[in-house]
Amino acid sequence: MVEATYDPSTTVAEVAECFEVSPAQLYSWRR
């Protein structure tokens, strides 16, 4: 699994695809 670094140029949807999770999960992680 790649390191979950935040890249402003990468959309949440793209990150969600990479991690195979829902955008909602990513939002909850980013709190």
C-alpha atoms as a PDB file:
ATOM      1  CA  MET A   1       0.000   0.000   0.000  1.00  0.00           C
ATOM      2  CA  VAL A   2       1.367   3.397  -0.934  1.00  0.00           C
ATOM      3  CA  GLU A   3       1.858   6.018   1.720  1.00  0.00           C
ATOM      4  CA  ALA A   4      -1.258   8.138   2.164  1.00  0.00           C
ATOM      5  CA  THR A   5       0.295  11.514   1.507  1.00  0.00           C
ATOM      6  CA  TYR A   6      -2.039  14.333   0.573  1.00  0.00           C
ATOM      7  CA  ASP A   7      -1.532  15.679  -2.928  1.00  0.00           C
ATOM      8  CA  PRO A   8      -3.745  18.696  -3.794  1.00  0.00           C
ATOM      9  CA  SER A   9      -3.479  17.827  -7.487  1.00  0.00           C
ATOM     10  CA  THR A  10      -5.008  14.422  -6.842  1.00  0.00           C
ATOM     11  CA  THR A  11      -8.757  14.270  -6.417  1.00  0.00           C
ATOM     12  CA  VAL A  12     -10.351  12.338  -3.583  1.00  0.00           C
ATOM     13  CA  ALA A  13     -12.011  10.081  -6.149  1.00  0.00           C
ATOM     14  CA  GLU A  14      -8.643   9.168  -7.665  1.00  0.00           C
ATOM     15  CA  VAL A  15      -7.159   8.440  -4.267  1.00  0.00           C
ATOM     16  CA  ALA A  16     -10.226   6.390  -3.361  1.00  0.00           C
ATOM     17  CA  GLU A  17      -9.710   4.304  -6.493  1.00  0.00           C
ATOM     18  CA  CYS A  18      -6.073   3.669  -5.603  1.00  0.00           C
ATOM     19  CA  PHE A  19      -6.983   2.561  -2.098  1.00  0.00           C
ATOM     20  CA  GLU A  20     -10.204   0.826  -3.190  1.00  0.00           C
ATOM     21  CA  VAL A  21     -12.238   2.687  -0.578  1.00  0.00           C
ATOM     22  CA  SER A  22     -15.124   5.120  -0.761  1.00  0.00           C
ATOM     23  CA  PRO A  23     -14.484   8.889  -0.786  1.00  0.00           C
ATOM     24  CA  ALA A  24     -16.531   9.080   2.409  1.00  0.00           C
ATOM     25  CA  GLN A  25     -13.974   6.862   4.142  1.00  0.00           C
ATOM     26  CA  LEU A  26     -11.135   9.096   2.977  1.00  0.00           C
ATOM     27  CA  TYR A  27     -12.924  12.180   4.263  1.00  0.00           C
ATOM     28  CA  SER A  28     -13.378  10.574   7.664  1.00  0.00           C
ATOM     29  CA  TRP A  29      -9.672   9.637   7.749  1.00  0.00           C
ATOM     30  CA  ARG A  30      -8.588  13.166   6.862  1.00  0.00           C
ATOM     31  CA  ARG A  31     -10.226  14.761   9.922  1.00  0.00           C
END
